[in-house]
Protein backbone atom coordinates (compact mmCIF):
# COMPACT_ATOMS: atom_id res chain seq x y z
CA MET A 1 174.47 198.74 146.53
CA PRO A 2 172.30 195.61 146.00
CA LYS A 3 174.87 194.21 143.53
CA LYS A 4 177.69 194.84 145.99
CA LEU A 5 175.70 193.17 148.79
CA ASP A 6 175.02 190.15 146.58
CA ASP A 7 178.72 189.87 145.80
CA GLU A 8 179.57 189.96 149.50
CA LEU A 9 176.95 187.33 150.34
CA ASN A 10 178.18 185.06 147.56
CA GLY A 11 181.74 185.50 148.80
CA LEU A 12 180.63 184.46 152.27
CA LYS A 13 178.95 181.37 150.86
CA ARG A 14 182.13 180.36 149.03
CA LYS A 15 184.18 180.70 152.22
CA VAL A 16 181.73 178.55 154.17
CA VAL A 17 181.83 175.86 151.49
CA ALA A 18 185.64 175.85 151.51
CA MET A 19 185.66 175.65 155.31
CA SER A 20 183.16 172.80 155.25
CA ASP A 21 185.33 170.82 152.83
CA LEU A 22 188.22 171.10 155.28
CA ALA A 23 186.09 170.19 158.30
CA GLN A 24 184.81 167.08 156.52
CA SER A 25 188.32 166.08 155.51
CA MET A 26 189.50 166.44 159.10
CA PHE A 27 187.26 163.84 160.69
CA GLN A 28 187.38 161.52 157.69
CA THR A 29 191.19 161.59 157.84
CA ALA A 30 191.10 160.94 161.58
CA MET A 31 188.90 157.90 160.95
CA ARG A 32 191.21 156.70 158.20
CA ALA A 33 194.14 156.96 160.62
CA LEU A 34 192.26 154.61 162.95
CA ILE A 35 191.06 152.14 160.32
CA ASP A 36 194.40 152.00 158.45
CA ARG A 37 196.38 152.28 161.71
CA ASP A 38 198.39 155.10 160.14
CA GLU A 39 199.51 157.62 162.76
CA SER A 40 201.07 159.89 160.11
CA LEU A 41 197.57 160.98 159.10
CA ILE A 42 197.08 162.67 162.46
CA ALA A 43 199.59 165.37 161.47
CA LYS A 44 197.47 166.11 158.39
CA VAL A 45 194.41 166.63 160.59
CA GLN A 46 196.38 169.07 162.73
CA GLU A 47 197.46 171.03 159.65
CA MET A 48 193.86 171.29 158.47
CA GLU A 49 192.75 172.53 161.90
CA GLU A 50 194.96 175.61 161.52
CA GLN A 51 193.23 176.48 158.25
CA VAL A 52 189.77 175.87 159.71
CA ASP A 53 190.58 178.25 162.56
CA LEU A 54 191.72 180.89 160.06
CA TYR A 55 188.48 180.49 158.12
CA GLN A 56 186.46 180.90 161.31
CA VAL A 57 188.08 184.26 162.10
CA GLU A 58 187.85 185.41 158.49
CA ILE A 59 184.17 184.54 158.17
CA ASP A 60 183.26 186.10 161.51
CA GLU A 61 184.99 189.32 160.53
CA ALA A 62 183.30 189.33 157.12
CA VAL A 63 179.85 188.87 158.68
CA VAL A 64 180.41 191.74 161.14
CA SER A 65 181.67 193.99 158.34
CA LEU A 66 178.72 193.12 156.10
CA MET A 67 176.21 193.85 158.86
CA ALA A 68 177.86 197.20 159.63
CA VAL A 69 178.25 198.37 156.03
CA PHE A 70 175.07 197.09 154.39
CA GLY A 71 172.59 196.67 157.25
CA PRO A 72 170.93 193.69 155.54
CA VAL A 73 167.25 192.98 156.17
CA ALA A 74 164.77 190.14 155.67
CA LEU A 75 166.26 187.13 153.84
CA ASP A 76 169.72 188.69 153.53
CA LEU A 77 169.81 189.26 157.28
CA ARG A 78 168.75 185.67 157.95
CA PHE A 79 171.47 184.47 155.58
CA ALA A 80 174.18 186.47 157.35
CA LEU A 81 173.07 185.18 160.75
CA MET A 82 172.97 181.62 159.41
CA VAL A 83 176.50 181.93 158.07
CA ALA A 84 177.74 183.07 161.49
CA ARG A 85 176.11 180.08 163.17
CA ILE A 86 177.25 177.55 160.57
CA ASN A 87 180.76 178.95 160.92
CA THR A 88 180.68 178.00 164.60
CA GLU A 89 179.31 174.52 163.86
CA LEU A 90 182.09 173.83 161.36
CA GLU A 91 184.76 174.99 163.78
CA ARG A 92 183.34 172.60 166.37
CA ILE A 93 183.46 169.75 163.86
CA GLY A 94 187.16 170.55 163.57
CA ASP A 95 187.50 170.46 167.36
CA GLN A 96 185.80 167.07 167.52
CA SER A 97 188.16 165.81 164.83
CA MET A 98 191.11 166.84 166.99
CA ASN A 99 189.53 165.03 169.95
CA MET A 100 189.28 161.94 167.76
CA CYS A 101 192.98 162.20 166.96
CA GLU A 102 193.91 162.09 170.63
CA ASN A 103 191.98 158.86 171.09
CA VAL A 104 193.25 157.41 167.82
CA ARG A 105 196.81 158.06 168.94
CA LEU A 106 196.17 156.01 172.10
CA LEU A 107 194.51 153.22 170.14
CA LEU A 108 197.42 152.99 167.71
CA SER A 109 199.87 152.60 170.59
CA GLU A 110 198.15 149.35 171.63
CA PRO A 111 197.21 146.12 169.83
CA GLU A 112 193.90 146.32 167.99
CA LEU A 113 191.04 145.57 170.39
CA LYS A 114 188.50 144.35 167.85
CA LYS A 115 187.57 144.53 164.21
CA LEU A 116 185.86 147.86 163.60
CA VAL A 117 182.39 147.49 162.09
CA ASP A 118 179.87 149.90 163.58
CA LEU A 119 182.32 152.77 164.07
CA PRO A 120 183.13 153.10 160.33
CA ARG A 121 179.39 152.84 159.58
CA MET A 122 178.75 155.62 162.07
CA ALA A 123 181.48 157.73 160.45
CA ASP A 124 179.97 157.17 157.00
CA VAL A 125 176.53 158.32 158.16
CA ALA A 126 178.00 161.37 159.91
CA ALA A 127 180.05 162.25 156.81
CA THR A 128 176.94 162.04 154.64
CA MET A 129 175.05 164.24 157.09
CA VAL A 130 177.74 166.92 157.01
CA ARG A 131 178.00 166.78 153.23
CA ASP A 132 174.23 166.94 152.74
CA SER A 133 173.75 169.74 155.27
CA LEU A 134 176.21 171.89 153.31
CA SER A 135 174.60 170.86 150.03
CA ALA A 136 171.30 172.10 151.47
CA PHE A 137 173.04 175.33 152.50
CA GLU A 138 174.30 175.89 148.95
CA SER A 139 171.04 175.04 147.23
CA GLY A 140 168.43 175.99 149.83
CA ALA A 141 166.95 172.47 149.57
CA THR A 142 164.93 172.09 152.76
CA ASP A 143 163.96 168.50 151.91
CA VAL A 144 167.65 167.56 152.00
CA ALA A 145 168.04 169.42 155.29
CA ARG A 146 165.13 167.51 156.81
CA ASN A 147 166.67 164.20 155.75
CA VAL A 148 169.88 165.21 157.55
CA ILE A 149 167.94 165.83 160.74
CA ARG A 150 166.22 162.43 160.49
CA ALA A 151 169.56 160.66 159.92
CA ASP A 152 170.71 161.76 163.37
CA ASN A 153 168.57 158.96 164.84
CA THR A 154 170.70 156.41 162.98
CA VAL A 155 173.89 157.86 164.41
CA ASP A 156 172.46 157.86 167.93
CA ALA A 157 171.42 154.21 167.58
CA LEU A 158 174.90 153.22 166.38
CA TYR A 159 176.48 155.09 169.27
CA ASP A 160 174.28 153.23 171.78
CA GLN A 161 175.18 149.91 170.15
CA ILE A 162 178.93 150.68 170.23
CA PHE A 163 178.72 151.82 173.85
CA ARG A 164 176.95 148.64 174.98
CA GLU A 165 179.37 146.37 173.14
CA LEU A 166 182.47 148.09 174.54
CA LEU A 167 181.01 148.15 178.02
CA THR A 168 180.78 144.37 177.77
CA TYR A 169 184.46 144.23 176.79
CA MET A 170 185.47 146.30 179.84
CA MET A 171 183.38 144.21 182.22
CA SER A 172 184.77 140.93 180.94
CA ASP A 173 188.41 142.03 180.81
CA PRO A 174 189.64 145.14 182.70
CA LYS A 175 192.78 145.17 180.53
CA THR A 176 190.65 146.41 177.65
CA THR A 177 189.37 149.44 179.57
CA ALA A 178 191.70 152.11 178.10
CA ARG A 179 191.14 150.98 174.51
CA SER A 180 187.41 150.54 175.00
CA LEU A 181 187.09 154.03 176.47
CA ALA A 182 189.10 155.50 173.60
CA LEU A 183 186.74 153.86 171.10
CA ILE A 184 183.70 155.08 173.05
CA LEU A 185 185.09 158.63 173.06
CA THR A 186 185.78 158.40 169.32
CA ALA A 187 182.18 157.34 168.76
CA GLY A 188 181.11 160.22 170.99
CA SER A 189 182.99 162.67 168.77
CA LEU A 190 181.24 161.25 165.71
CA GLU A 191 177.90 161.62 167.48
CA ARG A 192 178.69 165.27 168.20
CA ILE A 193 179.75 165.83 164.57
CA ALA A 194 176.36 164.49 163.49
CA ASP A 195 174.72 166.90 165.94
CA HIS A 196 176.59 169.81 164.35
CA ALA A 197 175.41 168.68 160.91
CA THR A 198 171.87 168.59 162.30
CA ASN A 199 172.26 172.13 163.61
CA ILE A 200 173.41 173.30 160.17
CA ALA A 201 170.38 171.65 158.57
CA GLU A 202 168.09 173.39 161.06
CA GLU A 203 169.68 176.73 160.18
CA VAL A 204 169.03 176.10 156.49
CA ILE A 205 165.35 175.42 157.12
CA TYR A 206 165.08 178.57 159.21
CA MET A 207 166.75 180.68 156.51
CA VAL A 208 164.64 179.36 153.65
CA LYS A 209 161.29 178.88 155.38
CA GLY A 210 161.58 181.08 158.47
CA GLU A 211 160.64 177.93 160.40
CA ASP A 212 162.32 176.98 163.67
CA VAL A 213 162.46 173.17 163.72
CA ARG A 214 164.74 172.75 166.72
CA HIS A 215 163.51 170.16 169.25
CA GLN A 216 160.85 168.94 166.81
CA GLU A 217 160.28 165.46 165.44
CA LEU A 218 160.43 165.55 161.64
């Protein structure tokens, strides 16, 4: 029975890693569509969303089955619960990527408002956070997870900077309002993606250390 449980847990981990790769690709492709002004990439994001949704259902069902059949306890129980929560966070990253696509579509239908500087930087930090949070999940490295949580401050600061700059655009020229709002909403999606990465990192720390670090300054 322990060997069978280990196999099931390892299978769950592999599914989460595969789902995370797709979720990361989704928002990075959405950003590339904006930066390269390539609307064809939006269709690729939509295709990946279908697979992410399938993974979510598959992982949820696997967790429920595992709990019913094996009745895991202690660390194994914490792992199963963490997988269920991370599954939700990854699905929400996919949702935010789709939200980005809607705003990118609007932006590509209009002339470019400004050269993008802080938004790609924000996307790079968010991408690193997601990647590192899943690396921490695979390895159990709580130091990596803590660094992810700290990086969220950088994303928040970039969001505030982008918001203030675009607000200035809207105030000086009302014709820029639709494009400015679309860029603000895109930045907002990136900020939420970083939050989901932070939540994953917090789950890793709880699984490994049994320590609840939510709402704490690290």
